[in-house]
C-alpha cells in the first residue's frame, strides 16, 4: 500500500511541487545567511559591550563605528 501511494505521488505534479518548494526554501535560507546560536550569542555580547562603552563615553575609532554589512 505504501509503495503504491509513494508511486502515485512520485508520478504526480506533487513531486514537482515538493522540488520547487525545496529549491525556494534553500534559496531563501542562502540569502538570509543564518548563523548558529553560538555565533549569535558572541555577536550579541560584542554589540552589548560596544553600546555599554558608548554610553560611558568611551571613544571608538571611526572605522569600527561606521562598518556596515554589504
PDB file of N, CA and C in Angstrom:
ATOM      1  N   UNK A   1       0.821  -1.199   0.000  1.00  0.00           N
ATOM      2  CA  UNK A   1       0.000   0.000   0.000  1.00  0.00           C
ATOM      3  C   UNK A   1       0.868   1.268   0.000  1.00  0.00           C
ATOM      4  N   UNK A   2       1.864   1.281   0.893  1.00  0.00           N
ATOM      5  CA  UNK A   2       2.754   2.434   0.986  1.00  0.00           C
ATOM      6  C   UNK A   2       3.466   2.681  -0.338  1.00  0.00           C
ATOM      7  N   UNK A   3       3.980   1.612  -0.938  1.00  0.00           N
ATOM      8  CA  UNK A   3       4.700   1.757  -2.202  1.00  0.00           C
ATOM      9  C   UNK A   3       3.792   2.273  -3.311  1.00  0.00           C
ATOM     10  N   UNK A   4       2.548   1.850  -3.295  1.00  0.00           N
ATOM     11  CA  UNK A   4       1.607   2.312  -4.315  1.00  0.00           C
ATOM     12  C   UNK A   4       1.332   3.811  -4.159  1.00  0.00           C
ATOM     13  N   UNK A   5       1.136   4.257  -2.918  1.00  0.00           N
ATOM     14  CA  UNK A   5       0.906   5.694  -2.666  1.00  0.00           C
ATOM     15  C   UNK A   5       2.142   6.494  -3.031  1.00  0.00           C
ATOM     16  N   UNK A   6       3.311   5.958  -2.676  1.00  0.00           N
ATOM     17  CA  UNK A   6       4.567   6.644  -2.998  1.00  0.00           C
ATOM     18  C   UNK A   6       4.722   6.774  -4.516  1.00  0.00           C
ATOM     19  N   UNK A   7       4.373   5.724  -5.254  1.00  0.00           N
ATOM     20  CA  UNK A   7       4.475   5.754  -6.718  1.00  0.00           C
ATOM     21  C   UNK A   7       3.501   6.782  -7.299  1.00  0.00           C
ATOM     22  N   UNK A   8       2.290   6.863  -6.758  1.00  0.00           N
ATOM     23  CA  UNK A   8       1.298   7.833  -7.247  1.00  0.00           C
ATOM     24  C   UNK A   8       1.803   9.260  -7.022  1.00  0.00           C
ATOM     25  N   UNK A   9       2.353   9.524  -5.827  1.00  0.00           N
ATOM     26  CA  UNK A   9       2.860  10.858  -5.510  1.00  0.00           C
ATOM     27  C   UNK A   9       4.060  11.195  -6.384  1.00  0.00           C
ATOM     28  N   UNK A  10       4.930  10.206  -6.605  1.00  0.00           N
ATOM     29  CA  UNK A  10       6.127  10.426  -7.430  1.00  0.00           C
ATOM     30  C   UNK A  10       5.749  10.766  -8.870  1.00  0.00           C
ATOM     31  N   UNK A  11       4.707  10.122  -9.382  1.00  0.00           N
ATOM     32  CA  UNK A  11       4.286  10.345 -10.760  1.00  0.00           C
ATOM     33  C   UNK A  11       3.393  11.584 -10.922  1.00  0.00           C
ATOM     34  N   UNK A  12       2.959  12.165  -9.826  1.00  0.00           N
ATOM     35  CA  UNK A  12       2.037  13.298  -9.906  1.00  0.00           C
ATOM     36  C   UNK A  12       2.784  14.629  -9.855  1.00  0.00           C
ATOM     37  N   UNK A  13       2.065  15.717 -10.105  1.00  0.00           N
ATOM     38  CA  UNK A  13       2.679  17.041 -10.007  1.00  0.00           C
ATOM     39  C   UNK A  13       3.141  17.380  -8.587  1.00  0.00           C
ATOM     40  N   UNK A  14       2.710  16.633  -7.587  1.00  0.00           N
ATOM     41  CA  UNK A  14       3.152  16.875  -6.215  1.00  0.00           C
ATOM     42  C   UNK A  14       4.664  16.752  -6.074  1.00  0.00           C
ATOM     43  N   UNK A  15       5.256  15.841  -6.824  1.00  0.00           N
ATOM     44  CA  UNK A  15       6.708  15.662  -6.771  1.00  0.00           C
ATOM     45  C   UNK A  15       7.405  16.931  -7.257  1.00  0.00           C
ATOM     46  N   UNK A  16       6.901  17.512  -8.341  1.00  0.00           N
ATOM     47  CA  UNK A  16       7.482  18.759  -8.853  1.00  0.00           C
ATOM     48  C   UNK A  16       7.262  19.900  -7.877  1.00  0.00           C
ATOM     49  N   UNK A  17       6.104  19.930  -7.237  1.00  0.00           N
ATOM     50  CA  UNK A  17       5.804  20.971  -6.262  1.00  0.00           C
ATOM     51  C   UNK A  17       6.757  20.877  -5.078  1.00  0.00           C
ATOM     52  N   UNK A  18       7.002  19.665  -4.616  1.00  0.00           N
ATOM     53  CA  UNK A  18       7.919  19.471  -3.491  1.00  0.00           C
ATOM     54  C   UNK A  18       9.325  19.945  -3.856  1.00  0.00           C
ATOM     55  N   UNK A  19       9.787  19.613  -5.054  1.00  0.00           N
ATOM     56  CA  UNK A  19      11.115  20.051  -5.504  1.00  0.00           C
ATOM     57  C   UNK A  19      11.172  21.568  -5.610  1.00  0.00           C
ATOM     58  N   UNK A  20      10.117  22.191  -6.111  1.00  0.00           N
ATOM     59  CA  UNK A  20      10.085  23.644  -6.250  1.00  0.00           C
ATOM     60  C   UNK A  20      10.095  24.337  -4.895  1.00  0.00           C
ATOM     61  N   UNK A  21       9.324  23.816  -3.965  1.00  0.00           N
ATOM     62  CA  UNK A  21       9.284  24.398  -2.617  1.00  0.00           C
ATOM     63  C   UNK A  21      10.639  24.236  -1.941  1.00  0.00           C
ATOM     64  N   UNK A  22      11.245  23.079  -2.100  1.00  0.00           N
ATOM     65  CA  UNK A  22      12.560  22.839  -1.519  1.00  0.00           C
ATOM     66  C   UNK A  22      13.588  23.825  -2.089  1.00  0.00           C
ATOM     67  N   UNK A  23      13.586  24.030  -3.396  1.00  0.00           N
ATOM     68  CA  UNK A  23      14.516  24.971  -4.022  1.00  0.00           C
ATOM     69  C   UNK A  23      14.258  26.399  -3.542  1.00  0.00           C
ATOM     70  N   UNK A  24      12.991  26.761  -3.393  1.00  0.00           N
ATOM     71  CA  UNK A  24      12.630  28.092  -2.915  1.00  0.00           C
ATOM     72  C   UNK A  24      13.134  28.324  -1.492  1.00  0.00           C
ATOM     73  N   UNK A  25      12.936  27.343  -0.629  1.00  0.00           N
ATOM     74  CA  UNK A  25      13.401  27.464   0.759  1.00  0.00           C
ATOM     75  C   UNK A  25      14.918  27.528   0.850  1.00  0.00           C
ATOM     76  N   UNK A  26      15.593  26.708   0.071  1.00  0.00           N
ATOM     77  CA  UNK A  26      17.059  26.739   0.078  1.00  0.00           C
ATOM     78  C   UNK A  26      17.578  28.084  -0.389  1.00  0.00           C
ATOM     79  N   UNK A  27      16.946  28.649  -1.395  1.00  0.00           N
ATOM     80  CA  UNK A  27      17.331  29.969  -1.884  1.00  0.00           C
ATOM     81  C   UNK A  27      17.112  31.035  -0.824  1.00  0.00           C
ATOM     82  N   UNK A  28      15.991  30.969  -0.135  1.00  0.00           N
ATOM     83  CA  UNK A  28      15.690  31.950   0.911  1.00  0.00           C
ATOM     84  C   UNK A  28      16.693  31.840   2.053  1.00  0.00           C
ATOM     85  N   UNK A  29      17.017  30.615   2.484  1.00  0.00           N
ATOM     86  CA  UNK A  29      17.978  30.439   3.572  1.00  0.00           C
ATOM     87  C   UNK A  29      19.367  30.913   3.176  1.00  0.00           C
ATOM     88  N   UNK A  30      19.737  30.716   1.920  1.00  0.00           N
ATOM     89  CA  UNK A  30      21.041  31.171   1.455  1.00  0.00           C
ATOM     90  C   UNK A  30      21.124  32.694   1.499  1.00  0.00           C
ATOM     91  N   UNK A  31      20.058  33.363   1.118  1.00  0.00           N
ATOM     92  CA  UNK A  31      20.041  34.827   1.135  1.00  0.00           C
ATOM     93  C   UNK A  31      20.029  35.378   2.556  1.00  0.00           C
ATOM     94  N   UNK A  32      19.426  34.648   3.486  1.00  0.00           N
ATOM     95  CA  UNK A  32      19.320  35.120   4.859  1.00  0.00           C
ATOM     96  C   UNK A  32      20.630  34.990   5.631  1.00  0.00           C
ATOM     97  N   UNK A  33      21.525  34.163   5.184  1.00  0.00           N
ATOM     98  CA  UNK A  33      22.788  33.899   5.859  1.00  0.00           C
ATOM     99  C   UNK A  33      22.572  33.570   7.337  1.00  0.00           C
ATOM    100  N   UNK A  34      21.856  32.496   7.623  1.00  0.00           N
ATOM    101  CA  UNK A  34      21.601  32.158   9.030  1.00  0.00           C
ATOM    102  C   UNK A  34      22.890  31.797   9.764  1.00  0.00           C
ATOM    103  N   UNK A  35      22.927  32.059  11.058  1.00  0.00           N
ATOM    104  CA  UNK A  35      24.076  31.715  11.894  1.00  0.00           C
ATOM    105  C   UNK A  35      23.607  30.796  13.015  1.00  0.00           C
ATOM    106  N   UNK A  36      24.543  30.074  13.588  1.00  0.00           N
ATOM    107  CA  UNK A  36      24.172  29.187  14.688  1.00  0.00           C
ATOM    108  C   UNK A  36      24.035  29.988  15.990  1.00  0.00           C
ATOM    109  N   UNK A  37      23.507  29.374  16.995  1.00  0.00           N
ATOM    110  CA  UNK A  37      23.216  30.036  18.274  1.00  0.00           C
ATOM    111  C   UNK A  37      24.483  30.599  18.925  1.00  0.00           C
ATOM    112  N   UNK A  38      25.598  29.851  18.868  1.00  0.00           N
ATOM    113  CA  UNK A  38      26.837  30.314  19.497  1.00  0.00           C
ATOM    114  C   UNK A  38      27.362  31.586  18.839  1.00  0.00           C
ATOM    115  N   UNK A  39      27.354  31.625  17.509  1.00  0.00           N
ATOM    116  CA  UNK A  39      27.820  32.824  16.808  1.00  0.00           C
ATOM    117  C   UNK A  39      26.909  34.012  17.120  1.00  0.00           C
ATOM    118  N   UNK A  40      25.614  33.769  17.228  1.00  0.00           N
ATOM    119  CA  UNK A  40      24.677  34.832  17.551  1.00  0.00           C
ATOM    120  C   UNK A  40      24.949  35.390  18.944  1.00  0.00           C
ATOM    121  N   UNK A  41      25.182  34.503  19.907  1.00  0.00           N
ATOM    122  CA  UNK A  41      25.462  34.946  21.274  1.00  0.00           C
ATOM    123  C   UNK A  41      26.729  35.795  21.336  1.00  0.00           C
ATOM    124  N   UNK A  42      27.760  35.386  20.615  1.00  0.00           N
ATOM    125  CA  UNK A  42      29.011  36.148  20.596  1.00  0.00           C
ATOM    126  C   UNK A  42      28.776  37.533  20.013  1.00  0.00           C
ATOM    127  N   UNK A  43      28.077  37.616  18.890  1.00  0.00           N
ATOM    128  CA  UNK A  43      27.825  38.914  18.262  1.00  0.00           C
ATOM    129  C   UNK A  43      26.944  39.803  19.145  1.00  0.00           C
ATOM    130  N   UNK A  44      25.968  39.198  19.820  1.00  0.00           N
ATOM    131  CA  UNK A  44      25.101  39.971  20.721  1.00  0.00           C
ATOM    132  C   UNK A  44      25.916  40.531  21.882  1.00  0.00           C
ATOM    133  N   UNK A  45      26.845  39.746  22.409  1.00  0.00           N
ATOM    134  CA  UNK A  45      27.685  40.209  23.511  1.00  0.00           C
ATOM    135  C   UNK A  45      28.608  41.338  23.064  1.00  0.00           C
ATOM    136  N   UNK A  46      29.205  41.189  21.885  1.00  0.00           N
ATOM    137  CA  UNK A  46      30.083  42.237  21.350  1.00  0.00           C
ATOM    138  C   UNK A  46      29.297  43.532  21.158  1.00  0.00           C
ATOM    139  N   UNK A  47      28.098  43.431  20.599  1.00  0.00           N
ATOM    140  CA  UNK A  47      27.265  44.611  20.394  1.00  0.00           C
ATOM    141  C   UNK A  47      26.878  45.241  21.727  1.00  0.00           C
ATOM    142  N   UNK A  48      26.514  44.408  22.699  1.00  0.00           N
ATOM    143  CA  UNK A  48      26.149  44.917  24.015  1.00  0.00           C
ATOM    144  C   UNK A  48      27.311  45.643  24.681  1.00  0.00           C
ATOM    145  N   UNK A  49      28.505  45.077  24.585  1.00  0.00           N
ATOM    146  CA  UNK A  49      29.686  45.730  25.159  1.00  0.00           C
ATOM    147  C   UNK A  49      29.969  47.056  24.476  1.00  0.00           C
ATOM    148  N   UNK A  50      29.843  47.093  23.154  1.00  0.00           N
ATOM    149  CA  UNK A  50      30.093  48.331  22.413  1.00  0.00           C
ATOM    150  C   UNK A  50      29.081  49.414  22.812  1.00  0.00           C
ATOM    151  N   UNK A  51      27.816  49.024  22.938  1.00  0.00           N
ATOM    152  CA  UNK A  51      26.795  50.005  23.334  1.00  0.00           C
ATOM    153  C   UNK A  51      27.033  50.499  24.752  1.00  0.00           C
ATOM    154  N   UNK A  52      27.441  49.599  25.641  1.00  0.00           N
ATOM    155  CA  UNK A  52      27.728  49.984  27.017  1.00  0.00           C
ATOM    156  C   UNK A  52      28.885  50.991  27.068  1.00  0.00           C
ATOM    157  N   UNK A  53      29.941  50.706  26.328  1.00  0.00           N
ATOM    158  CA  UNK A  53      31.090  51.615  26.296  1.00  0.00           C
ATOM    159  C   UNK A  53      30.712  52.950  25.672  1.00  0.00           C
ATOM    160  N   UNK A  54      29.848  52.911  24.675  1.00  0.00           N
ATOM    161  CA  UNK A  54      29.402  54.148  24.034  1.00  0.00           C
ATOM    162  C   UNK A  54      28.606  54.986  25.034  1.00  0.00           C
ATOM    163  N   UNK A  55      27.782  54.345  25.834  1.00  0.00           N
ATOM    164  CA  UNK A  55      27.020  55.068  26.855  1.00  0.00           C
ATOM    165  C   UNK A  55      27.938  55.666  27.915  1.00  0.00           C
ATOM    166  N   UNK A  56      29.057  55.014  28.176  1.00  0.00           N
ATOM    167  CA  UNK A  56      30.012  55.528  29.152  1.00  0.00           C
ATOM    168  C   UNK A  56      30.867  56.658  28.578  1.00  0.00           C
ATOM    169  N   UNK A  57      30.772  56.879  27.285  1.00  0.00           N
ATOM    170  CA  UNK A  57      31.505  57.967  26.647  1.00  0.00           C
ATOM    171  C   UNK A  57      32.884  57.588  26.159  1.00  0.00           C
ATOM    172  N   UNK A  58      33.156  56.293  26.074  1.00  0.00           N
ATOM    173  CA  UNK A  58      34.454  55.850  25.570  1.00  0.00           C
ATOM    174  C   UNK A  58      34.442  56.016  24.055  1.00  0.00           C
ATOM    175  N   UNK A  59      35.482  56.643  23.527  1.00  0.00           N
ATOM    176  CA  UNK A  59      35.556  56.904  22.087  1.00  0.00           C
ATOM    177  C   UNK A  59      36.071  55.677  21.346  1.00  0.00           C
ATOM    178  N   UNK A  60      35.399  55.351  20.259  1.00  0.00           N
ATOM    179  CA  UNK A  60      35.809  54.265  19.390  1.00  0.00           C
ATOM    180  C   UNK A  60      36.414  54.851  18.121  1.00  0.00           C
ATOM    181  N   UNK A  61      37.352  54.132  17.510  1.00  0.00           N
ATOM    182  CA  UNK A  61      37.834  54.565  16.193  1.00  0.00           C
ATOM    183  C   UNK A  61      36.663  54.601  15.212  1.00  0.00           C
ATOM    184  N   UNK A  62      36.627  55.606  14.380  1.00  0.00           N
ATOM    185  CA  UNK A  62      35.514  55.786  13.450  1.00  0.00           C
ATOM    186  C   UNK A  62      35.340  54.574  12.528  1.00  0.00           C
ATOM    187  N   UNK A  63      36.440  53.929  12.186  1.00  0.00           N
ATOM    188  CA  UNK A  63      36.337  52.776  11.279  1.00  0.00           C
ATOM    189  C   UNK A  63      35.524  51.640  11.906  1.00  0.00           C
ATOM    190  N   UNK A  64      35.514  51.514  13.235  1.00  0.00           N
ATOM    191  CA  UNK A  64      34.713  50.480  13.883  1.00  0.00           C
ATOM    192  C   UNK A  64      33.258  50.859  13.968  1.00  0.00           C
ATOM    193  N   UNK A  65      32.961  52.148  14.069  1.00  0.00           N
ATOM    194  CA  UNK A  65      31.588  52.600  14.209  1.00  0.00           C
ATOM    195  C   UNK A  65      30.832  52.632  12.892  1.00  0.00           C
ATOM    196  N   UNK A  66      31.548  52.827  11.798  1.00  0.00           N
ATOM    197  CA  UNK A  66      30.864  53.022  10.523  1.00  0.00           C
ATOM    198  C   UNK A  66      30.826  51.761   9.661  1.00  0.00           C
ATOM    199  N   UNK A  67      31.284  50.610  10.176  1.00  0.00           N
ATOM    200  CA  UNK A  67      31.228  49.380   9.381  1.00  0.00           C
ATOM    201  C   UNK A  67      29.802  48.924   9.212  1.00  0.00           C
ATOM    202  N   UNK A  68      29.435  48.614   8.003  1.00  0.00           N
ATOM    203  CA  UNK A  68      28.085  48.097   7.693  1.00  0.00           C
ATOM    204  C   UNK A  68      28.220  46.911   6.786  1.00  0.00           C
ATOM    205  N   UNK A  69      27.318  45.981   6.963  1.00  0.00           N
ATOM    206  CA  UNK A  69      27.323  44.795   6.097  1.00  0.00           C
ATOM    207  C   UNK A  69      26.868  45.180   4.701  1.00  0.00           C
ATOM    208  N   UNK A  70      27.539  44.665   3.729  1.00  0.00           N
ATOM    209  CA  UNK A  70      27.145  44.988   2.353  1.00  0.00           C
ATOM    210  C   UNK A  70      26.247  43.952   1.768  1.00  0.00           C
TER     211      UNK A  70
END
